[in-house]
C-alpha atoms as a PDB file:
ATOM      1  CA  MET A   1     -23.137   7.983  16.589  1.00  0.00           C
ATOM      2  CA  THR A   2     -22.608   8.745  20.210  1.00  0.00           C
ATOM      3  CA  LEU A   3     -19.007   7.530  20.138  1.00  0.00           C
ATOM      4  CA  LYS A   4     -16.214  10.013  20.401  1.00  0.00           C
ATOM      5  CA  VAL A   5     -13.454   8.850  17.932  1.00  0.00           C
ATOM      6  CA  LEU A   6      -9.693   9.160  17.906  1.00  0.00           C
ATOM      7  CA  PHE A   7      -8.191   8.740  14.527  1.00  0.00           C
ATOM      8  CA  ALA A   8      -4.818   7.213  14.245  1.00  0.00           C
ATOM      9  CA  GLY A   9      -3.014   7.331  10.819  1.00  0.00           C
ATOM     10  CA  THR A  10      -0.199   8.684   8.985  1.00  0.00           C
ATOM     11  CA  PRO A  11       0.209   8.379   5.138  1.00  0.00           C
ATOM     12  CA  GLU A  12      -1.958   9.679   2.334  1.00  0.00           C
ATOM     13  CA  ILE A  13      -3.871   6.464   2.144  1.00  0.00           C
ATOM     14  CA  ALA A  14      -5.259   7.344   5.587  1.00  0.00           C
ATOM     15  CA  VAL A  15      -6.834  10.580   4.726  1.00  0.00           C
ATOM     16  CA  ALA A  16      -9.887   9.132   2.765  1.00  0.00           C
ATOM     17  CA  PRO A  17     -11.037   7.140   5.777  1.00  0.00           C
ATOM     18  CA  LEU A  18     -10.651  10.105   8.074  1.00  0.00           C
ATOM     19  CA  ASN A  19     -12.790  12.262   5.793  1.00  0.00           C
ATOM     20  CA  GLY A  20     -15.246   9.221   5.458  1.00  0.00           C
ATOM     21  CA  LEU A  21     -15.801   9.074   9.287  1.00  0.00           C
ATOM     22  CA  LEU A  22     -16.447  12.771   9.388  1.00  0.00           C
ATOM     23  CA  GLU A  23     -18.871  12.602   6.464  1.00  0.00           C
ATOM     24  CA  ALA A  24     -20.715   9.771   8.300  1.00  0.00           C
ATOM     25  CA  GLY A  25     -21.239  12.153  11.259  1.00  0.00           C
ATOM     26  CA  TYR A  26     -18.886  10.763  13.827  1.00  0.00           C
ATOM     27  CA  ASP A  27     -17.245  13.084  16.271  1.00  0.00           C
ATOM     28  CA  VAL A  28     -13.538  12.766  15.690  1.00  0.00           C
ATOM     29  CA  VAL A  29     -11.989  14.455  18.766  1.00  0.00           C
ATOM     30  CA  GLY A  30      -8.413  14.299  17.461  1.00  0.00           C
ATOM     31  CA  VAL A  31      -5.651  12.538  15.564  1.00  0.00           C
ATOM     32  CA  LEU A  32      -2.720  10.501  16.529  1.00  0.00           C
ATOM     33  CA  THR A  33      -0.078  10.496  13.749  1.00  0.00           C
ATOM     34  CA  ARG A  34       3.709  10.019  13.514  1.00  0.00           C
ATOM     35  CA  GLU A  35       6.070  12.981  13.963  1.00  0.00           C
ATOM     36  CA  ASP A  36       7.193  15.201  11.106  1.00  0.00           C
ATOM     37  CA  ALA A  37       9.595  13.596   8.804  1.00  0.00           C
ATOM     38  CA  PRO A  38      12.279  14.770   6.223  1.00  0.00           C
ATOM     39  CA  VAL A  39      10.856  14.857   2.789  1.00  0.00           C
ATOM     40  CA  GLY A  40      12.341  15.446  -0.717  1.00  0.00           C
ATOM     41  CA  ARG A  41      16.048  16.228  -1.740  1.00  0.00           C
ATOM     42  CA  LYS A  42      16.226  19.132   0.688  1.00  0.00           C
ATOM     43  CA  ARG A  43      14.953  16.928   3.510  1.00  0.00           C
ATOM     44  CA  LYS A  44      12.470  19.436   4.785  1.00  0.00           C
ATOM     45  CA  LEU A  45      10.589  18.327   7.889  1.00  0.00           C
ATOM     46  CA  THR A  46       6.964  17.729   6.778  1.00  0.00           C
ATOM     47  CA  ALA A  47       3.818  17.000   8.623  1.00  0.00           C
ATOM     48  CA  SER A  48       2.305  13.685   7.693  1.00  0.00           C
ATOM     49  CA  PRO A  49      -0.635  13.701   5.272  1.00  0.00           C
ATOM     50  CA  VAL A  50      -3.121  12.892   8.078  1.00  0.00           C
ATOM     51  CA  ALA A  51      -1.558  15.664  10.188  1.00  0.00           C
ATOM     52  CA  ALA A  52      -2.075  18.012   7.371  1.00  0.00           C
ATOM     53  CA  ARG A  53      -5.593  17.157   7.007  1.00  0.00           C
ATOM     54  CA  ALA A  54      -6.324  17.303  10.698  1.00  0.00           C
ATOM     55  CA  GLU A  55      -4.873  20.771  10.773  1.00  0.00           C
ATOM     56  CA  GLU A  56      -7.071  21.966   7.911  1.00  0.00           C
ATOM     57  CA  LEU A  57      -9.994  20.558   9.837  1.00  0.00           C
ATOM     58  CA  GLY A  58      -8.980  22.229  13.097  1.00  0.00           C
ATOM     59  CA  LEU A  59      -8.670  18.849  14.848  1.00  0.00           C
ATOM     60  CA  PRO A  60      -6.175  18.354  17.862  1.00  0.00           C
ATOM     61  CA  VAL A  61      -3.112  16.402  16.625  1.00  0.00           C
ATOM     62  CA  VAL A  62      -0.899  14.243  18.766  1.00  0.00           C
ATOM     63  CA  LYS A  63       2.451  13.324  17.189  1.00  0.00           C
ATOM     64  CA  ALA A  64       4.239  10.266  18.285  1.00  0.00           C
ATOM     65  CA  ASN A  65       6.517   7.753  16.650  1.00  0.00           C
ATOM     66  CA  ARG A  66       6.162   5.358  19.538  1.00  0.00           C
ATOM     67  CA  TRP A  67       3.728   5.086  22.568  1.00  0.00           C
ATOM     68  CA  SER A  68       4.918   6.842  25.577  1.00  0.00           C
ATOM     69  CA  ASP A  69       3.678   8.441  28.825  1.00  0.00           C
ATOM     70  CA  ASP A  70       3.358  11.778  26.997  1.00  0.00           C
ATOM     71  CA  ALA A  71       1.478  10.233  24.086  1.00  0.00           C
ATOM     72  CA  ALA A  72      -0.804   8.385  26.601  1.00  0.00           C
ATOM     73  CA  ALA A  73      -1.537  11.693  28.372  1.00  0.00           C
ATOM     74  CA  ALA A  74      -2.214  13.562  25.289  1.00  0.00           C
ATOM     75  CA  VAL A  75      -4.570  10.785  23.963  1.00  0.00           C
ATOM     76  CA  SER A  76      -6.415  10.535  27.286  1.00  0.00           C
ATOM     77  CA  ALA A  77      -7.056  14.297  27.370  1.00  0.00           C
ATOM     78  CA  LEU A  78      -8.979  14.057  24.181  1.00  0.00           C
ATOM     79  CA  GLY A  79     -11.665  12.064  25.844  1.00  0.00           C
ATOM     80  CA  ALA A  80     -12.157   9.521  22.991  1.00  0.00           C
ATOM     81  CA  ASP A  81     -14.280   6.343  23.505  1.00  0.00           C
ATOM     82  CA  ILE A  82     -12.782   4.495  20.502  1.00  0.00           C
ATOM     83  CA  ALA A  83      -9.938   4.650  18.017  1.00  0.00           C
ATOM     84  CA  ALA A  84      -9.997   4.108  14.181  1.00  0.00           C
ATOM     85  CA  VAL A  85      -6.441   2.951  13.044  1.00  0.00           C
ATOM     86  CA  VAL A  86      -5.431   3.158   9.473  1.00  0.00           C
ATOM     87  CA  ALA A  87      -1.705   2.767   8.790  1.00  0.00           C
ATOM     88  CA  TYR A  88      -0.663   4.712  11.898  1.00  0.00           C
ATOM     89  CA  GLY A  89       2.856   3.029  11.720  1.00  0.00           C
ATOM     90  CA  ALA A  90       3.737   2.207  15.299  1.00  0.00           C
ATOM     91  CA  ILE A  91       3.138  -0.686  17.647  1.00  0.00           C
ATOM     92  CA  LEU A  92       0.475  -0.063  20.327  1.00  0.00           C
ATOM     93  CA  PRO A  93       1.312  -1.760  23.656  1.00  0.00           C
ATOM     94  CA  GLN A  94      -1.462  -3.237  26.009  1.00  0.00           C
ATOM     95  CA  SER A  95      -1.397  -0.041  28.087  1.00  0.00           C
ATOM     96  CA  ALA A  96      -2.560   1.815  25.009  1.00  0.00           C
ATOM     97  CA  LEU A  97      -5.116  -0.745  23.907  1.00  0.00           C
ATOM     98  CA  ASP A  98      -6.612  -0.628  27.469  1.00  0.00           C
ATOM     99  CA  LEU A  99      -6.704   3.329  27.421  1.00  0.00           C
ATOM    100  CA  LEU A 100      -9.981   3.750  25.368  1.00  0.00           C
ATOM    101  CA  PRO A 101     -13.203   2.284  26.747  1.00  0.00           C
ATOM    102  CA  GLN A 102     -14.207   0.698  23.372  1.00  0.00           C
ATOM    103  CA  GLY A 103     -10.605  -0.085  22.239  1.00  0.00           C
ATOM    104  CA  TRP A 104      -8.953   0.425  18.935  1.00  0.00           C
ATOM    105  CA  ILE A 105     -10.402  -0.727  15.580  1.00  0.00           C
ATOM    106  CA  ASN A 106      -8.075  -1.172  12.649  1.00  0.00           C
ATOM    107  CA  LEU A 107      -8.799  -0.978   8.886  1.00  0.00           C
ATOM    108  CA  HIS A 108      -6.772  -3.599   7.312  1.00  0.00           C
ATOM    109  CA  PHE A 109      -6.339  -4.287   3.536  1.00  0.00           C
ATOM    110  CA  SER A 110      -6.835  -7.984   3.410  1.00  0.00           C
ATOM    111  CA  SER A 111      -9.066 -10.908   4.347  1.00  0.00           C
ATOM    112  CA  LEU A 112      -7.842 -11.832   7.722  1.00  0.00           C
ATOM    113  CA  PRO A 113      -6.017 -14.060   8.790  1.00  0.00           C
ATOM    114  CA  HIS A 114      -4.587 -13.858   5.145  1.00  0.00           C
ATOM    115  CA  TRP A 115      -1.854 -11.297   4.754  1.00  0.00           C
ATOM    116  CA  ARG A 116      -1.260 -10.144   8.197  1.00  0.00           C
ATOM    117  CA  GLY A 117       1.298  -7.456   8.378  1.00  0.00           C
ATOM    118  CA  ALA A 118       2.693  -4.326   6.716  1.00  0.00           C
ATOM    119  CA  ALA A 119       2.105  -4.684   2.958  1.00  0.00           C
ATOM    120  CA  PRO A 120      -1.174  -6.862   2.406  1.00  0.00           C
ATOM    121  CA  VAL A 121      -2.376  -5.405  -0.966  1.00  0.00           C
ATOM    122  CA  GLN A 122       1.212  -5.454  -2.399  1.00  0.00           C
ATOM    123  CA  ARG A 123       1.787  -9.136  -1.444  1.00  0.00           C
ATOM    124  CA  ALA A 124      -1.726 -10.276  -2.460  1.00  0.00           C
ATOM    125  CA  LEU A 125      -1.107  -8.777  -6.092  1.00  0.00           C
ATOM    126  CA  MET A 126       2.418 -10.200  -6.282  1.00  0.00           C
ATOM    127  CA  ALA A 127       0.838 -13.642  -5.444  1.00  0.00           C
ATOM    128  CA  GLY A 128      -1.473 -13.144  -8.434  1.00  0.00           C
ATOM    129  CA  GLU A 129      -4.690 -12.801  -6.518  1.00  0.00           C
ATOM    130  CA  THR A 130      -7.536 -11.096  -8.511  1.00  0.00           C
ATOM    131  CA  GLU A 131      -9.835 -10.042  -5.656  1.00  0.00           C
ATOM    132  CA  ILE A 132      -8.356  -7.753  -2.924  1.00  0.00           C
ATOM    133  CA  PHE A 133     -10.100  -7.377   0.532  1.00  0.00           C
ATOM    134  CA  SER A 134     -10.314  -4.873   3.321  1.00  0.00           C
ATOM    135  CA  ASN A 135     -11.785  -5.387   6.762  1.00  0.00           C
ATOM    136  CA  THR A 136     -12.167  -4.021  10.196  1.00  0.00           C
ATOM    137  CA  PHE A 137     -10.752  -5.819  13.279  1.00  0.00           C
ATOM    138  CA  ARG A 138     -10.280  -5.023  16.942  1.00  0.00           C
ATOM    139  CA  ILE A 139      -6.564  -4.695  17.750  1.00  0.00           C
ATOM    140  CA  GLU A 140      -5.029  -7.078  20.238  1.00  0.00           C
ATOM    141  CA  ALA A 141      -1.537  -7.802  21.356  1.00  0.00           C
ATOM    142  CA  GLY A 142      -1.028 -10.215  18.463  1.00  0.00           C
ATOM    143  CA  LEU A 143      -0.217  -9.112  14.859  1.00  0.00           C
ATOM    144  CA  ASP A 144      -3.582  -8.530  13.213  1.00  0.00           C
ATOM    145  CA  SER A 145      -5.053 -11.359  15.191  1.00  0.00           C
ATOM    146  CA  GLY A 146      -8.204  -9.725  16.718  1.00  0.00           C
ATOM    147  CA  PRO A 147     -11.898 -10.567  15.991  1.00  0.00           C
ATOM    148  CA  VAL A 148     -13.073  -9.084  12.614  1.00  0.00           C
ATOM    149  CA  PHE A 149     -16.367  -7.134  12.161  1.00  0.00           C
ATOM    150  CA  LEU A 150     -16.917  -6.234   8.458  1.00  0.00           C
ATOM    151  CA  GLU A 151     -15.169  -7.074   5.095  1.00  0.00           C
ATOM    152  CA  GLU A 152     -15.487  -5.889   1.595  1.00  0.00           C
ATOM    153  CA  SER A 153     -13.466  -6.489  -1.551  1.00  0.00           C
ATOM    154  CA  THR A 154     -12.668  -5.081  -5.015  1.00  0.00           C
ATOM    155  CA  ALA A 155     -11.731  -6.841  -8.245  1.00  0.00           C
ATOM    156  CA  VAL A 156      -8.445  -6.258  -9.690  1.00  0.00           C
ATOM    157  CA  GLU A 157      -8.727  -4.566 -13.183  1.00  0.00           C
ATOM    158  CA  ALA A 158      -6.245  -4.994 -16.044  1.00  0.00           C
ATOM    159  CA  ASP A 159      -4.448  -1.759 -15.356  1.00  0.00           C
ATOM    160  CA  ASP A 160      -4.485  -1.772 -11.494  1.00  0.00           C
ATOM    161  CA  THR A 161      -1.469  -1.550  -9.226  1.00  0.00           C
ATOM    162  CA  ALA A 162      -1.058  -1.607  -5.493  1.00  0.00           C
ATOM    163  CA  GLY A 163      -1.536   2.112  -5.535  1.00  0.00           C
ATOM    164  CA  THR A 164      -4.829   2.163  -7.442  1.00  0.00           C
ATOM    165  CA  VAL A 165      -6.339  -0.733  -5.392  1.00  0.00           C
ATOM    166  CA  LEU A 166      -5.264   0.837  -2.132  1.00  0.00           C
ATOM    167  CA  ASP A 167      -6.884   4.069  -3.235  1.00  0.00           C
ATOM    168  CA  ARG A 168     -10.127   2.423  -4.116  1.00  0.00           C
ATOM    169  CA  LEU A 169     -10.214   0.552  -0.923  1.00  0.00           C
ATOM    170  CA  ALA A 170      -9.382   3.509   1.177  1.00  0.00           C
ATOM    171  CA  SER A 171     -12.073   5.649  -0.520  1.00  0.00           C
ATOM    172  CA  THR A 172     -14.743   3.272   1.045  1.00  0.00           C
ATOM    173  CA  GLY A 173     -12.764   2.591   4.241  1.00  0.00           C
ATOM    174  CA  GLY A 174     -14.345   5.466   6.294  1.00  0.00           C
ATOM    175  CA  ALA A 175     -17.824   4.093   5.526  1.00  0.00           C
ATOM    176  CA  LEU A 176     -16.572   0.566   6.678  1.00  0.00           C
ATOM    177  CA  LEU A 177     -15.376   2.023   9.911  1.00  0.00           C
ATOM    178  CA  ALA A 178     -18.403   4.005  10.558  1.00  0.00           C
ATOM    179  CA  GLN A 179     -20.607   0.872  10.154  1.00  0.00           C
ATOM    180  CA  THR A 180     -18.420  -1.035  12.294  1.00  0.00           C
ATOM    181  CA  PHE A 181     -18.658   1.666  15.067  1.00  0.00           C
ATOM    182  CA  ALA A 182     -22.466   1.547  14.729  1.00  0.00           C
ATOM    183  CA  ASN A 183     -22.441  -2.293  15.140  1.00  0.00           C
ATOM    184  CA  ILE A 184     -20.154  -1.992  18.194  1.00  0.00           C
ATOM    185  CA  GLU A 185     -22.572   0.564  19.608  1.00  0.00           C
ATOM    186  CA  ALA A 186     -25.293  -2.062  19.075  1.00  0.00           C
ATOM    187  CA  GLY A 187     -23.388  -4.659  21.132  1.00  0.00           C
ATOM    188  CA  GLU A 188     -21.527  -6.606  18.338  1.00  0.00           C
ATOM    189  CA  THR A 189     -18.162  -8.034  19.421  1.00  0.00           C
ATOM    190  CA  GLY A 190     -16.753  -9.373  16.092  1.00  0.00           C
ATOM    191  CA  THR A 191     -15.952 -12.887  14.817  1.00  0.00           C
ATOM    192  CA  GLU A 192     -12.768 -14.698  15.686  1.00  0.00           C
ATOM    193  CA  GLN A 193     -10.489 -15.329  12.869  1.00  0.00           C
ATOM    194  CA  SER A 194     -10.230 -18.859  11.402  1.00  0.00           C
ATOM    195  CA  GLY A 195      -7.877 -20.376   8.815  1.00  0.00           C
ATOM    196  CA  GLU A 196      -4.089 -20.468   8.254  1.00  0.00           C
ATOM    197  CA  PRO A 197      -2.499 -16.984   8.499  1.00  0.00           C
ATOM    198  CA  THR A 198      -0.122 -15.666   5.906  1.00  0.00           C
ATOM    199  CA  HIS A 199       2.331 -12.861   6.393  1.00  0.00           C
ATOM    200  CA  ALA A 200       2.564  -9.662   4.343  1.00  0.00           C
ATOM    201  CA  ALA A 201       6.116  -8.762   5.175  1.00  0.00           C
ATOM    202  CA  LYS A 202       7.203  -4.918   4.660  1.00  0.00           C
ATOM    203  CA  MET A 203       8.223  -4.160   1.053  1.00  0.00           C
ATOM    204  CA  THR A 204      11.858  -3.614   0.286  1.00  0.00           C
ATOM    205  CA  LEU A 205      13.869  -2.439  -2.810  1.00  0.00           C
ATOM    206  CA  ALA A 206      14.732  -6.181  -3.483  1.00  0.00           C
ATOM    207  CA  ASP A 207      11.048  -6.799  -3.978  1.00  0.00           C
ATOM    208  CA  GLY A 208      11.082  -4.866  -7.096  1.00  0.00           C
ATOM    209  CA  ARG A 209      13.950  -6.529  -8.690  1.00  0.00           C
ATOM    210  CA  ILE A 210      12.757  -8.197 -11.976  1.00  0.00           C
ATOM    211  CA  ASP A 211      14.219 -11.364 -13.269  1.00  0.00           C
ATOM    212  CA  PHE A 212      13.217 -11.766 -16.944  1.00  0.00           C
ATOM    213  CA  SER A 213      13.954 -15.505 -16.787  1.00  0.00           C
ATOM    214  CA  ASP A 214      10.703 -15.656 -14.874  1.00  0.00           C
ATOM    215  CA  THR A 215       7.229 -15.988 -16.620  1.00  0.00           C
ATOM    216  CA  VAL A 216       5.348 -13.246 -18.033  1.00  0.00           C
ATOM    217  CA  GLU A 217       2.379 -13.905 -15.634  1.00  0.00           C
ATOM    218  CA  HIS A 218       4.702 -13.776 -12.550  1.00  0.00           C
ATOM    219  CA  ILE A 219       6.545 -10.580 -13.660  1.00  0.00           C
ATOM    220  CA  LEU A 220       3.215  -8.870 -14.311  1.00  0.00           C
ATOM    221  CA  ALA A 221       1.968  -9.760 -10.986  1.00  0.00           C
ATOM    222  CA  GLN A 222       5.265  -8.510  -9.357  1.00  0.00           C
ATOM    223  CA  VAL A 223       5.121  -5.134 -11.252  1.00  0.00           C
ATOM    224  CA  ARG A 224       1.512  -4.615 -10.129  1.00  0.00           C
ATOM    225  CA  GLY A 225       2.445  -5.343  -6.351  1.00  0.00           C
ATOM    226  CA  VAL A 226       5.632  -3.025  -6.281  1.00  0.00           C
ATOM    227  CA  THR A 227       3.967  -0.072  -8.110  1.00  0.00           C
ATOM    228  CA  PRO A 228       4.278   2.699  -7.023  1.00  0.00           C
ATOM    229  CA  GLU A 229       6.540   1.707  -4.224  1.00  0.00           C
ATOM    230  CA  PRO A 230       9.317   0.545  -4.140  1.00  0.00           C
ATOM    231  CA  GLY A 231       9.060   0.295  -7.930  1.00  0.00           C
ATOM    232  CA  ALA A 232       9.952  -2.299 -10.444  1.00  0.00           C
ATOM    233  CA  TRP A 233      13.565  -2.368 -11.746  1.00  0.00           C
ATOM    234  CA  CYS A 234      16.443  -4.276 -13.349  1.00  0.00           C
ATOM    235  CA  GLU A 235      20.006  -3.359 -14.323  1.00  0.00           C
ATOM    236  CA  PHE A 236      21.334  -1.705 -17.502  1.00  0.00           C
ATOM    237  CA  LYS A 237      25.004  -1.006 -17.933  1.00  0.00           C
ATOM    238  CA  ASP A 238      25.603  -1.828 -14.230  1.00  0.00           C
ATOM    239  CA  ALA A 239      23.020   0.700 -12.988  1.00  0.00           C
ATOM    240  CA  ARG A 240      19.543   0.423 -11.714  1.00  0.00           C
ATOM    241  CA  PHE A 241      17.027   0.775 -14.591  1.00  0.00           C
ATOM    242  CA  LYS A 242      13.416   1.539 -13.340  1.00  0.00           C
ATOM    243  CA  LEU A 243      10.344   0.196 -15.114  1.00  0.00           C
ATOM    244  CA  GLY A 244       7.075   1.833 -15.505  1.00  0.00           C
ATOM    245  CA  MET A 245       3.964  -0.314 -15.954  1.00  0.00           C
ATOM    246  CA  VAL A 246       4.543  -3.193 -18.407  1.00  0.00           C
ATOM    247  CA  ARG A 247       2.089  -5.353 -20.206  1.00  0.00           C
ATOM    248  CA  ALA A 248       1.889  -8.713 -21.997  1.00  0.00           C
ATOM    249  CA  SER A 249       3.028  -8.887 -25.604  1.00  0.00           C
ATOM    250  CA  GLU A 250       1.999 -11.175 -28.372  1.00  0.00           C
ATOM    251  CA  VAL A 251       5.243 -11.021 -29.908  1.00  0.00           C
ATOM    252  CA  ALA A 252       7.275 -14.455 -29.993  1.00  0.00           C
ATOM    253  CA  PRO A 253      10.372 -14.441 -27.669  1.00  0.00           C
ATOM    254  CA  GLU A 254      13.721 -14.584 -29.114  1.00  0.00           C
ATOM    255  CA  GLY A 255      17.007 -14.597 -27.626  1.00  0.00           C
ATOM    256  CA  THR A 256      18.029 -14.959 -24.043  1.00  0.00           C
ATOM    257  CA  PRO A 257      15.668 -13.656 -21.195  1.00  0.00           C
ATOM    258  CA  GLY A 258      16.028  -9.901 -20.928  1.00  0.00           C
ATOM    259  CA  SER A 259      16.866  -9.376 -24.600  1.00  0.00           C
ATOM    260  CA  VAL A 260      15.324  -6.030 -25.729  1.00  0.00           C
ATOM    261  CA  ARG A 261      14.049  -5.496 -29.212  1.00  0.00           C
ATOM    262  CA  LEU A 262      12.255  -2.476 -30.805  1.00  0.00           C
ATOM    263  CA  LEU A 263       9.483  -3.601 -33.209  1.00  0.00           C
ATOM    264  CA  ALA A 264       6.950  -1.359 -34.662  1.00  0.00           C
ATOM    265  CA  LYS A 265       7.660   1.329 -32.134  1.00  0.00           C
ATOM    266  CA  LYS A 266       7.124  -1.072 -29.278  1.00  0.00           C
ATOM    267  CA  VAL A 267       9.744  -2.219 -26.834  1.00  0.00           C
ATOM    268  CA  VAL A 268       9.620  -5.823 -26.011  1.00  0.00           C
ATOM    269  CA  VAL A 269      11.618  -7.935 -23.649  1.00  0.00           C
ATOM    270  CA  THR A 270      12.031 -11.609 -23.739  1.00  0.00           C
ATOM    271  CA  CYS A 271      10.928 -13.644 -20.764  1.00  0.00           C
ATOM    272  CA  SER A 272      10.988 -17.384 -20.050  1.00  0.00           C
ATOM    273  CA  ASN A 273       7.501 -18.090 -21.666  1.00  0.00           C
ATOM    274  CA  GLY A 274       6.809 -15.045 -23.858  1.00  0.00           C
ATOM    275  CA  CYS A 275       7.391 -11.329 -24.189  1.00  0.00           C
ATOM    276  CA  LEU A 276       6.642  -8.259 -22.155  1.00  0.00           C
ATOM    277  CA  GLU A 277       6.240  -4.669 -23.549  1.00  0.00           C
ATOM    278  CA  LEU A 278       7.833  -1.831 -21.782  1.00  0.00           C
ATOM    279  CA  THR A 279       5.827   1.292 -21.868  1.00  0.00           C
ATOM    280  CA  GLN A 280       7.930   3.631 -19.793  1.00  0.00           C
ATOM    281  CA  VAL A 281      11.428   3.367 -18.352  1.00  0.00           C
ATOM    282  CA  GLN A 282      13.757   5.465 -16.236  1.00  0.00           C
ATOM    283  CA  PRO A 283      17.535   5.050 -16.765  1.00  0.00           C
ATOM    284  CA  ALA A 284      19.925   5.967 -14.078  1.00  0.00           C
ATOM    285  CA  GLY A 285      20.071   9.743 -13.566  1.00  0.00           C
ATOM    286  CA  LYS A 286      17.150  10.503 -15.709  1.00  0.00           C
ATOM    287  CA  LYS A 287      13.431  11.044 -15.531  1.00  0.00           C
ATOM    288  CA  MET A 288      10.833   8.599 -16.503  1.00  0.00           C
ATOM    289  CA  MET A 289      10.404   8.468 -20.229  1.00  0.00           C
ATOM    290  CA  ASN A 290       8.736   6.835 -23.092  1.00  0.00           C
ATOM    291  CA  ALA A 291      10.273   3.364 -23.575  1.00  0.00           C
ATOM    292  CA  ALA A 292      10.581   3.734 -27.450  1.00  0.00           C
ATOM    293  CA  ASP A 293      12.352   7.066 -27.090  1.00  0.00           C
ATOM    294  CA  TRP A 294      14.881   5.406 -24.694  1.00  0.00           C
ATOM    295  CA  ALA A 295      15.309   2.382 -26.931  1.00  0.00           C
ATOM    296  CA  ARG A 296      16.160   4.521 -30.134  1.00  0.00           C
ATOM    297  CA  GLY A 297      18.668   6.495 -28.055  1.00  0.00           C
ATOM    298  CA  ALA A 298      20.157   3.402 -26.738  1.00  0.00           C
ATOM    299  CA  GLY A 299      20.518   1.956 -30.144  1.00  0.00           C
ATOM    300  CA  VAL A 300      17.968  -0.980 -29.672  1.00  0.00           C
ATOM    301  CA  ASN A 301      16.760  -2.637 -32.880  1.00  0.00           C
ATOM    302  CA  ALA A 302      14.992  -5.749 -33.907  1.00  0.00           C
ATOM    303  CA  GLU A 303      17.941  -7.946 -33.243  1.00  0.00           C
ATOM    304  CA  ALA A 304      17.681 -10.259 -30.164  1.00  0.00           C
ATOM    305  CA  ASP A 305      20.642 -10.345 -27.715  1.00  0.00           C
ATOM    306  CA  ARG A 306      22.070  -7.020 -28.988  1.00  0.00           C
ATOM    307  CA  LEU A 307      20.957  -5.424 -25.709  1.00  0.00           C
ATOM    308  CA  VAL A 308      19.927  -7.267 -22.568  1.00  0.00           C
ATOM    309  CA  LEU A 309      18.502  -6.063 -19.325  1.00  0.00           C
ATOM    310  CA  VAL A 310      19.525  -8.031 -16.340  1.00  0.00           C
END
């Protein structure tokens, strides 16, 4: 564990791998993260979760939204041999990749070359995959194209979402990075990627739009992938209507897709090949609430086509 490590990361999901590297005994000499950003309704400038954790640990922090001469000088001054990258959120030019003697190693949440890009776990879940991977690879000029060192996976459980799967993979990500660094110190160079790449585009609000004329299976996969961000939604009374977790229902479909019924205190929605049960919903301007409470207030009953979500 002679390598001096720079940790580059920004969101909450990157905090656990940082902690894991420290627990493994690596000398983390500093952190590279994005600049403070406005948060909440008051838009208060707030340090990133990784910056906040680094400050708790007393680690030097370099804040940069893009690589620059100033960022290069600050990183160079830390004297790192290698960098661990977990959702830093900025493109690193070749000059940055050349700066550290042992390069930059990324923890990526997919089985490369599948799901290269910004939202691999979300896209894999939306595609209906039942095993989600993470791996470490050396960053090169191409998008997530460098040689892979180590890989692990987790099975998708019945109540999993993108949020819970990411948390689980992040919790072991520090150990995966630590073993990768040990392997690099031992002379390993990784394995070149093979196979047809797939792309995991950044999530948008449109990805969460639910079409109830789709199948139960596809909608469940979509909701998994967009939870917690950007969230699943449809429209009710010409306003965005957010959906909490949903589950398959054994109730027979009636009426047009999107038709809502309240049956034995359960809110069910007709889809193309069955029904979904809504557990929590958030009408426009309100907080997330129990779906049955909303349905009673909205006048939903057992009659199909009386109220329809679109």
